C-alpha atoms as a PDB file:
ATOM      1  CA  UNK A   1     -58.659   6.905  16.204  1.00  0.00           C
ATOM      2  CA  UNK A   2     -60.381   3.489  16.092  1.00  0.00           C
ATOM      3  CA  UNK A   3     -58.651   0.228  16.901  1.00  0.00           C
ATOM      4  CA  UNK A   4     -57.334  -1.855  14.004  1.00  0.00           C
ATOM      5  CA  UNK A   5     -59.252  -5.099  13.584  1.00  0.00           C
ATOM      6  CA  UNK A   6     -57.369  -8.369  13.211  1.00  0.00           C
ATOM      7  CA  UNK A   7     -58.095 -10.324  10.047  1.00  0.00           C
ATOM      8  CA  UNK A   8     -60.134 -13.327  11.206  1.00  0.00           C
ATOM      9  CA  UNK A   9     -58.683 -15.738   8.650  1.00  0.00           C
ATOM     10  CA  UNK A  10     -55.110 -14.676   9.455  1.00  0.00           C
ATOM     11  CA  UNK A  11     -55.423 -15.224  13.201  1.00  0.00           C
ATOM     12  CA  UNK A  12     -56.435 -18.838  12.507  1.00  0.00           C
ATOM     13  CA  UNK A  13     -53.510 -19.470  10.135  1.00  0.00           C
ATOM     14  CA  UNK A  14     -50.549 -17.734  11.776  1.00  0.00           C
ATOM     15  CA  UNK A  15     -48.987 -17.872  15.237  1.00  0.00           C
ATOM     16  CA  UNK A  16     -46.488 -15.468  16.757  1.00  0.00           C
ATOM     17  CA  UNK A  17     -43.459 -17.170  18.326  1.00  0.00           C
ATOM     18  CA  UNK A  18     -41.573 -15.989  21.376  1.00  0.00           C
ATOM     19  CA  UNK A  19     -38.714 -14.623  19.277  1.00  0.00           C
ATOM     20  CA  UNK A  20     -41.051 -12.513  17.129  1.00  0.00           C
ATOM     21  CA  UNK A  21     -41.191 -14.783  14.099  1.00  0.00           C
ATOM     22  CA  UNK A  22     -44.514 -15.817  12.584  1.00  0.00           C
ATOM     23  CA  UNK A  23     -45.113 -19.556  12.219  1.00  0.00           C
ATOM     24  CA  UNK A  24     -47.284 -21.038   9.489  1.00  0.00           C
ATOM     25  CA  UNK A  25     -48.311 -24.469   8.261  1.00  0.00           C
ATOM     26  CA  UNK A  26     -47.219 -25.841   4.903  1.00  0.00           C
ATOM     27  CA  UNK A  27     -49.587 -25.823   1.953  1.00  0.00           C
ATOM     28  CA  UNK A  28     -50.549 -28.861  -0.200  1.00  0.00           C
ATOM     29  CA  UNK A  29     -51.435 -31.128   2.752  1.00  0.00           C
ATOM     30  CA  UNK A  30     -55.227 -30.952   2.661  1.00  0.00           C
ATOM     31  CA  UNK A  31     -56.349 -33.156  -0.237  1.00  0.00           C
ATOM     32  CA  UNK A  32     -55.159 -35.243  -3.210  1.00  0.00           C
ATOM     33  CA  UNK A  33     -52.724 -37.043  -0.906  1.00  0.00           C
ATOM     34  CA  UNK A  34     -52.756 -40.370  -2.770  1.00  0.00           C
ATOM     35  CA  UNK A  35     -50.328 -39.250  -5.458  1.00  0.00           C
ATOM     36  CA  UNK A  36     -47.907 -37.675  -2.983  1.00  0.00           C
ATOM     37  CA  UNK A  37     -45.116 -39.764  -1.517  1.00  0.00           C
ATOM     38  CA  UNK A  38     -44.964 -40.577   2.189  1.00  0.00           C
ATOM     39  CA  UNK A  39     -41.789 -38.519   2.518  1.00  0.00           C
ATOM     40  CA  UNK A  40     -43.438 -35.492   0.915  1.00  0.00           C
ATOM     41  CA  UNK A  41     -46.486 -35.743   3.193  1.00  0.00           C
ATOM     42  CA  UNK A  42     -44.286 -36.128   6.261  1.00  0.00           C
ATOM     43  CA  UNK A  43     -42.242 -33.050   5.373  1.00  0.00           C
ATOM     44  CA  UNK A  44     -45.389 -31.001   4.729  1.00  0.00           C
ATOM     45  CA  UNK A  45     -46.543 -31.694   8.290  1.00  0.00           C
ATOM     46  CA  UNK A  46     -43.773 -29.523   9.744  1.00  0.00           C
ATOM     47  CA  UNK A  47     -44.412 -25.872  10.467  1.00  0.00           C
ATOM     48  CA  UNK A  48     -42.242 -23.221   8.877  1.00  0.00           C
ATOM     49  CA  UNK A  49     -41.862 -19.461   9.182  1.00  0.00           C
ATOM     50  CA  UNK A  50     -43.251 -16.627   7.103  1.00  0.00           C
ATOM     51  CA  UNK A  51     -40.690 -15.259   4.644  1.00  0.00           C
ATOM     52  CA  UNK A  52     -39.271 -11.786   5.227  1.00  0.00           C
ATOM     53  CA  UNK A  53     -40.856 -10.501   2.005  1.00  0.00           C
ATOM     54  CA  UNK A  54     -44.337 -11.438   3.288  1.00  0.00           C
ATOM     55  CA  UNK A  55     -43.803 -10.374   6.895  1.00  0.00           C
ATOM     56  CA  UNK A  56     -45.212  -6.875   6.425  1.00  0.00           C
ATOM     57  CA  UNK A  57     -48.473  -8.092   4.916  1.00  0.00           C
ATOM     58  CA  UNK A  58     -48.965 -10.747   7.600  1.00  0.00           C
ATOM     59  CA  UNK A  59     -48.207  -8.305  10.420  1.00  0.00           C
ATOM     60  CA  UNK A  60     -50.735  -5.871   8.955  1.00  0.00           C
ATOM     61  CA  UNK A  61     -53.395  -8.622   8.884  1.00  0.00           C
ATOM     62  CA  UNK A  62     -52.604  -9.583  12.484  1.00  0.00           C
ATOM     63  CA  UNK A  63     -52.526  -5.910  13.579  1.00  0.00           C
ATOM     64  CA  UNK A  64     -49.019  -6.299  15.028  1.00  0.00           C
ATOM     65  CA  UNK A  65     -46.957  -3.146  15.427  1.00  0.00           C
ATOM     66  CA  UNK A  66     -43.469  -2.941  13.943  1.00  0.00           C
END
């Protein structure tokens, strides 16, 4: 049986933490920043974790076993 390839776009966007969670960056921080408040931009800088409902899809893209 062949090896499962990792999705190239997913390996650039997600990072596996030591506890097994998957970290991700917040959306809406790339452009059209003039109309967003400083507080909103500052809070979008922080990393967050992938939601449990999306964990299966992300793990499949990263070729991580269950």
